[in-house]
Amino acid sequence: MLTARLIDNVWATRKAESLNGLKFMLAEIIGGGAEEGKRLIVVDIISAGIGDRVIVTTGSSARRMVGDDTIPVDAAVIGIIDEDCEFGD
């Protein structure tokens, strides 16, 4: 799983039929590490919005969240981050 910030909507006037009805957004990975700043297109299944910090799952887990293991989706928003937690105090 990754943490990311949603930065824009992605509109596709033509797409695979299996993707009809899905909301696409542009996300930027946050939280440090080598992936920070990388952007990816995610399917938003929980109605998050631009500016929200979110939890993103990728690969087969993302397809399962959409409910179809054959759908051409590689990343899905699965949670909205309300606040950061500090572990190991």
N, C-alpha and C. Protein backbone atom coordinates (compact mmCIF):
# COMPACT_ATOMS: atom_id res chain seq x y z
N MET A 1 0.84 -1.18 0.00
CA MET A 1 0.00 0.00 0.00
C MET A 1 0.88 1.24 0.00
N LEU A 2 0.33 2.31 -0.53
CA LEU A 2 1.03 3.58 -0.65
C LEU A 2 0.19 4.69 -0.04
N THR A 3 0.85 5.77 0.38
CA THR A 3 0.11 6.98 0.73
C THR A 3 0.32 7.98 -0.40
N ALA A 4 -0.75 8.69 -0.73
CA ALA A 4 -0.70 9.63 -1.85
C ALA A 4 -1.64 10.78 -1.59
N ARG A 5 -1.48 11.84 -2.38
CA ARG A 5 -2.40 12.97 -2.36
C ARG A 5 -3.05 13.04 -3.73
N LEU A 6 -4.37 13.17 -3.75
CA LEU A 6 -5.08 13.29 -5.01
C LEU A 6 -4.93 14.72 -5.52
N ILE A 7 -4.45 14.86 -6.76
CA ILE A 7 -4.14 16.20 -7.26
C ILE A 7 -5.00 16.65 -8.43
N ASP A 8 -5.74 15.74 -9.06
CA ASP A 8 -6.60 16.17 -10.17
C ASP A 8 -7.50 15.02 -10.60
N ASN A 9 -8.54 15.37 -11.34
CA ASN A 9 -9.39 14.37 -11.99
C ASN A 9 -8.77 13.99 -13.31
N VAL A 10 -9.04 12.78 -13.76
CA VAL A 10 -8.60 12.33 -15.08
C VAL A 10 -9.85 11.96 -15.87
N TRP A 11 -10.01 12.62 -17.02
CA TRP A 11 -11.17 12.36 -17.87
C TRP A 11 -10.73 11.58 -19.09
N ALA A 12 -11.43 10.52 -19.41
CA ALA A 12 -11.14 9.72 -20.60
C ALA A 12 -12.42 9.61 -21.41
N THR A 13 -12.44 10.25 -22.57
CA THR A 13 -13.65 10.21 -23.38
C THR A 13 -13.81 8.85 -24.06
N ARG A 14 -12.70 8.17 -24.28
CA ARG A 14 -12.75 6.81 -24.84
C ARG A 14 -11.91 5.92 -23.94
N LYS A 15 -12.49 4.79 -23.55
CA LYS A 15 -11.77 3.85 -22.70
C LYS A 15 -12.38 2.47 -22.87
N ALA A 16 -11.71 1.47 -22.32
CA ALA A 16 -12.23 0.11 -22.37
C ALA A 16 -13.61 0.08 -21.73
N GLU A 17 -14.50 -0.67 -22.32
CA GLU A 17 -15.88 -0.74 -21.85
C GLU A 17 -15.97 -1.15 -20.38
N SER A 18 -15.08 -2.01 -19.94
CA SER A 18 -15.11 -2.48 -18.55
C SER A 18 -14.81 -1.37 -17.55
N LEU A 19 -14.28 -0.23 -18.03
CA LEU A 19 -13.94 0.89 -17.15
C LEU A 19 -15.04 1.93 -17.04
N ASN A 20 -16.11 1.76 -17.80
CA ASN A 20 -17.22 2.72 -17.74
C ASN A 20 -17.79 2.79 -16.33
N GLY A 21 -18.04 4.00 -15.87
CA GLY A 21 -18.62 4.22 -14.55
C GLY A 21 -17.60 4.37 -13.43
N LEU A 22 -16.32 4.16 -13.73
CA LEU A 22 -15.29 4.33 -12.71
C LEU A 22 -14.75 5.74 -12.72
N LYS A 23 -14.41 6.28 -11.56
CA LYS A 23 -13.85 7.62 -11.42
C LYS A 23 -12.33 7.52 -11.35
N PHE A 24 -11.65 8.19 -12.27
CA PHE A 24 -10.19 8.18 -12.31
C PHE A 24 -9.64 9.49 -11.76
N MET A 25 -8.53 9.39 -11.01
CA MET A 25 -7.89 10.57 -10.46
C MET A 25 -6.38 10.43 -10.59
N LEU A 26 -5.70 11.59 -10.61
CA LEU A 26 -4.25 11.62 -10.63
C LEU A 26 -3.78 11.75 -9.19
N ALA A 27 -2.90 10.85 -8.78
CA ALA A 27 -2.39 10.83 -7.41
C ALA A 27 -0.87 10.99 -7.43
N GLU A 28 -0.35 11.66 -6.39
CA GLU A 28 1.09 11.81 -6.24
C GLU A 28 1.50 11.16 -4.92
N ILE A 29 2.45 10.24 -5.00
CA ILE A 29 2.89 9.51 -3.82
C ILE A 29 3.58 10.46 -2.85
N ILE A 30 3.23 10.32 -1.56
CA ILE A 30 3.81 11.14 -0.49
C ILE A 30 4.37 10.21 0.58
N GLY A 31 4.98 10.78 1.60
CA GLY A 31 5.40 9.99 2.74
C GLY A 31 6.85 9.56 2.74
N GLY A 32 7.64 10.11 1.83
CA GLY A 32 9.06 9.76 1.81
C GLY A 32 9.34 8.52 0.99
N GLY A 33 10.59 8.19 0.93
CA GLY A 33 11.00 6.99 0.20
C GLY A 33 11.29 7.30 -1.26
N ALA A 34 11.77 6.28 -1.95
CA ALA A 34 12.18 6.42 -3.34
C ALA A 34 11.03 6.74 -4.29
N GLU A 35 9.83 6.38 -3.90
CA GLU A 35 8.65 6.58 -4.76
C GLU A 35 8.04 7.98 -4.62
N GLU A 36 8.45 8.74 -3.60
CA GLU A 36 7.83 10.04 -3.35
C GLU A 36 7.89 10.93 -4.59
N GLY A 37 6.76 11.56 -4.91
CA GLY A 37 6.67 12.44 -6.07
C GLY A 37 6.21 11.75 -7.33
N LYS A 38 6.26 10.44 -7.35
CA LYS A 38 5.79 9.68 -8.51
C LYS A 38 4.28 9.86 -8.63
N ARG A 39 3.82 10.01 -9.86
CA ARG A 39 2.38 10.17 -10.10
C ARG A 39 1.80 8.93 -10.76
N LEU A 40 0.56 8.62 -10.41
CA LEU A 40 -0.11 7.49 -11.01
C LEU A 40 -1.60 7.78 -11.10
N ILE A 41 -2.22 7.09 -12.02
CA ILE A 41 -3.67 7.20 -12.17
C ILE A 41 -4.30 6.11 -11.32
N VAL A 42 -5.28 6.52 -10.51
CA VAL A 42 -5.94 5.60 -9.60
C VAL A 42 -7.44 5.61 -9.85
N VAL A 43 -8.08 4.51 -9.53
CA VAL A 43 -9.53 4.44 -9.53
C VAL A 43 -9.99 4.80 -8.13
N ASP A 44 -10.90 5.77 -8.03
CA ASP A 44 -11.42 6.20 -6.74
C ASP A 44 -12.77 5.54 -6.50
N ILE A 45 -12.78 4.53 -5.63
CA ILE A 45 -14.02 3.80 -5.36
C ILE A 45 -14.70 4.26 -4.08
N ILE A 46 -14.09 5.26 -3.39
CA ILE A 46 -14.66 5.69 -2.10
C ILE A 46 -15.06 7.16 -2.09
N SER A 47 -15.08 7.80 -3.24
CA SER A 47 -15.49 9.20 -3.38
C SER A 47 -14.59 10.17 -2.63
N ALA A 48 -13.29 9.98 -2.73
CA ALA A 48 -12.34 10.94 -2.19
C ALA A 48 -12.32 12.16 -3.10
N GLY A 49 -11.64 13.22 -2.70
CA GLY A 49 -11.62 14.43 -3.50
C GLY A 49 -10.21 14.97 -3.69
N ILE A 50 -10.09 15.92 -4.58
CA ILE A 50 -8.81 16.56 -4.84
C ILE A 50 -8.28 17.17 -3.54
N GLY A 51 -7.02 16.93 -3.25
CA GLY A 51 -6.38 17.42 -2.04
C GLY A 51 -6.38 16.41 -0.90
N ASP A 52 -7.23 15.39 -0.97
CA ASP A 52 -7.26 14.38 0.09
C ASP A 52 -5.99 13.55 0.09
N ARG A 53 -5.50 13.25 1.30
CA ARG A 53 -4.44 12.26 1.46
C ARG A 53 -5.12 10.91 1.56
N VAL A 54 -4.63 9.94 0.80
CA VAL A 54 -5.33 8.67 0.68
C VAL A 54 -4.37 7.49 0.79
N ILE A 55 -4.96 6.32 1.01
CA ILE A 55 -4.24 5.05 0.97
C ILE A 55 -4.59 4.41 -0.37
N VAL A 56 -3.56 3.98 -1.09
CA VAL A 56 -3.73 3.38 -2.41
C VAL A 56 -3.20 1.96 -2.38
N THR A 57 -3.95 1.05 -2.94
CA THR A 57 -3.47 -0.32 -3.12
C THR A 57 -3.23 -0.54 -4.61
N THR A 58 -2.31 -1.42 -4.93
CA THR A 58 -1.95 -1.64 -6.34
C THR A 58 -2.03 -3.12 -6.71
N GLY A 59 -1.92 -3.37 -8.00
CA GLY A 59 -1.89 -4.74 -8.50
C GLY A 59 -3.20 -5.48 -8.35
N SER A 60 -3.08 -6.77 -8.06
CA SER A 60 -4.28 -7.61 -7.97
C SER A 60 -5.20 -7.17 -6.84
N SER A 61 -4.64 -6.58 -5.78
CA SER A 61 -5.48 -6.08 -4.69
C SER A 61 -6.39 -4.96 -5.17
N ALA A 62 -5.89 -4.10 -6.07
CA ALA A 62 -6.71 -3.02 -6.62
C ALA A 62 -7.85 -3.60 -7.46
N ARG A 63 -7.55 -4.60 -8.26
CA ARG A 63 -8.61 -5.22 -9.08
C ARG A 63 -9.67 -5.86 -8.20
N ARG A 64 -9.27 -6.48 -7.11
CA ARG A 64 -10.25 -7.08 -6.20
C ARG A 64 -11.14 -6.03 -5.56
N MET A 65 -10.56 -4.86 -5.24
CA MET A 65 -11.36 -3.79 -4.65
C MET A 65 -12.41 -3.28 -5.63
N VAL A 66 -12.10 -3.30 -6.92
CA VAL A 66 -13.07 -2.88 -7.94
C VAL A 66 -14.10 -3.98 -8.16
N GLY A 67 -13.76 -5.21 -7.75
CA GLY A 67 -14.71 -6.31 -7.83
C GLY A 67 -14.60 -7.16 -9.07
N ASP A 68 -13.47 -7.07 -9.79
CA ASP A 68 -13.31 -7.83 -11.03
C ASP A 68 -11.83 -8.07 -11.26
N ASP A 69 -11.39 -9.31 -11.11
CA ASP A 69 -9.97 -9.64 -11.28
C ASP A 69 -9.49 -9.48 -12.71
N THR A 70 -10.39 -9.32 -13.67
CA THR A 70 -9.98 -9.20 -15.07
C THR A 70 -9.95 -7.76 -15.57
N ILE A 71 -10.37 -6.81 -14.76
CA ILE A 71 -10.45 -5.41 -15.19
C ILE A 71 -9.03 -4.82 -15.29
N PRO A 72 -8.77 -3.96 -16.28
CA PRO A 72 -7.43 -3.40 -16.45
C PRO A 72 -7.16 -2.20 -15.53
N VAL A 73 -7.11 -2.47 -14.23
CA VAL A 73 -6.87 -1.45 -13.22
C VAL A 73 -5.65 -1.89 -12.41
N ASP A 74 -4.75 -0.94 -12.13
CA ASP A 74 -3.54 -1.29 -11.37
C ASP A 74 -3.43 -0.54 -10.05
N ALA A 75 -4.31 0.46 -9.79
CA ALA A 75 -4.24 1.19 -8.52
C ALA A 75 -5.63 1.68 -8.14
N ALA A 76 -5.97 1.56 -6.86
CA ALA A 76 -7.28 1.98 -6.37
C ALA A 76 -7.14 2.65 -5.01
N VAL A 77 -7.92 3.72 -4.81
CA VAL A 77 -7.99 4.39 -3.51
C VAL A 77 -8.86 3.55 -2.60
N ILE A 78 -8.32 3.21 -1.42
CA ILE A 78 -9.08 2.36 -0.49
C ILE A 78 -9.33 3.02 0.85
N GLY A 79 -8.77 4.22 1.07
CA GLY A 79 -8.98 4.91 2.33
C GLY A 79 -8.58 6.36 2.26
N ILE A 80 -9.22 7.19 3.09
CA ILE A 80 -8.86 8.60 3.21
C ILE A 80 -8.18 8.76 4.56
N ILE A 81 -6.99 9.38 4.55
CA ILE A 81 -6.22 9.56 5.77
C ILE A 81 -6.74 10.80 6.50
N ASP A 82 -7.23 10.60 7.72
CA ASP A 82 -7.74 11.70 8.54
C ASP A 82 -6.62 12.38 9.30
N GLU A 83 -5.70 11.60 9.86
CA GLU A 83 -4.57 12.16 10.59
C GLU A 83 -3.45 11.15 10.61
N ASP A 84 -2.23 11.63 10.77
CA ASP A 84 -1.07 10.74 10.84
C ASP A 84 -0.92 10.20 12.25
N CYS A 85 -0.38 9.01 12.35
CA CYS A 85 -0.12 8.40 13.64
C CYS A 85 1.39 8.25 13.84
N GLU A 86 1.82 8.37 15.06
CA GLU A 86 3.22 8.14 15.41
C GLU A 86 3.30 6.80 16.15
N PHE A 87 4.15 5.91 15.66
CA PHE A 87 4.32 4.61 16.30
C PHE A 87 5.68 4.55 16.99
N GLY A 88 5.80 3.72 17.98
CA GLY A 88 7.07 3.49 18.65
C GLY A 88 7.46 4.54 19.66
N ASP A 89 6.49 5.21 20.26
CA ASP A 89 6.80 6.24 21.28
C ASP A 89 7.33 5.61 22.54
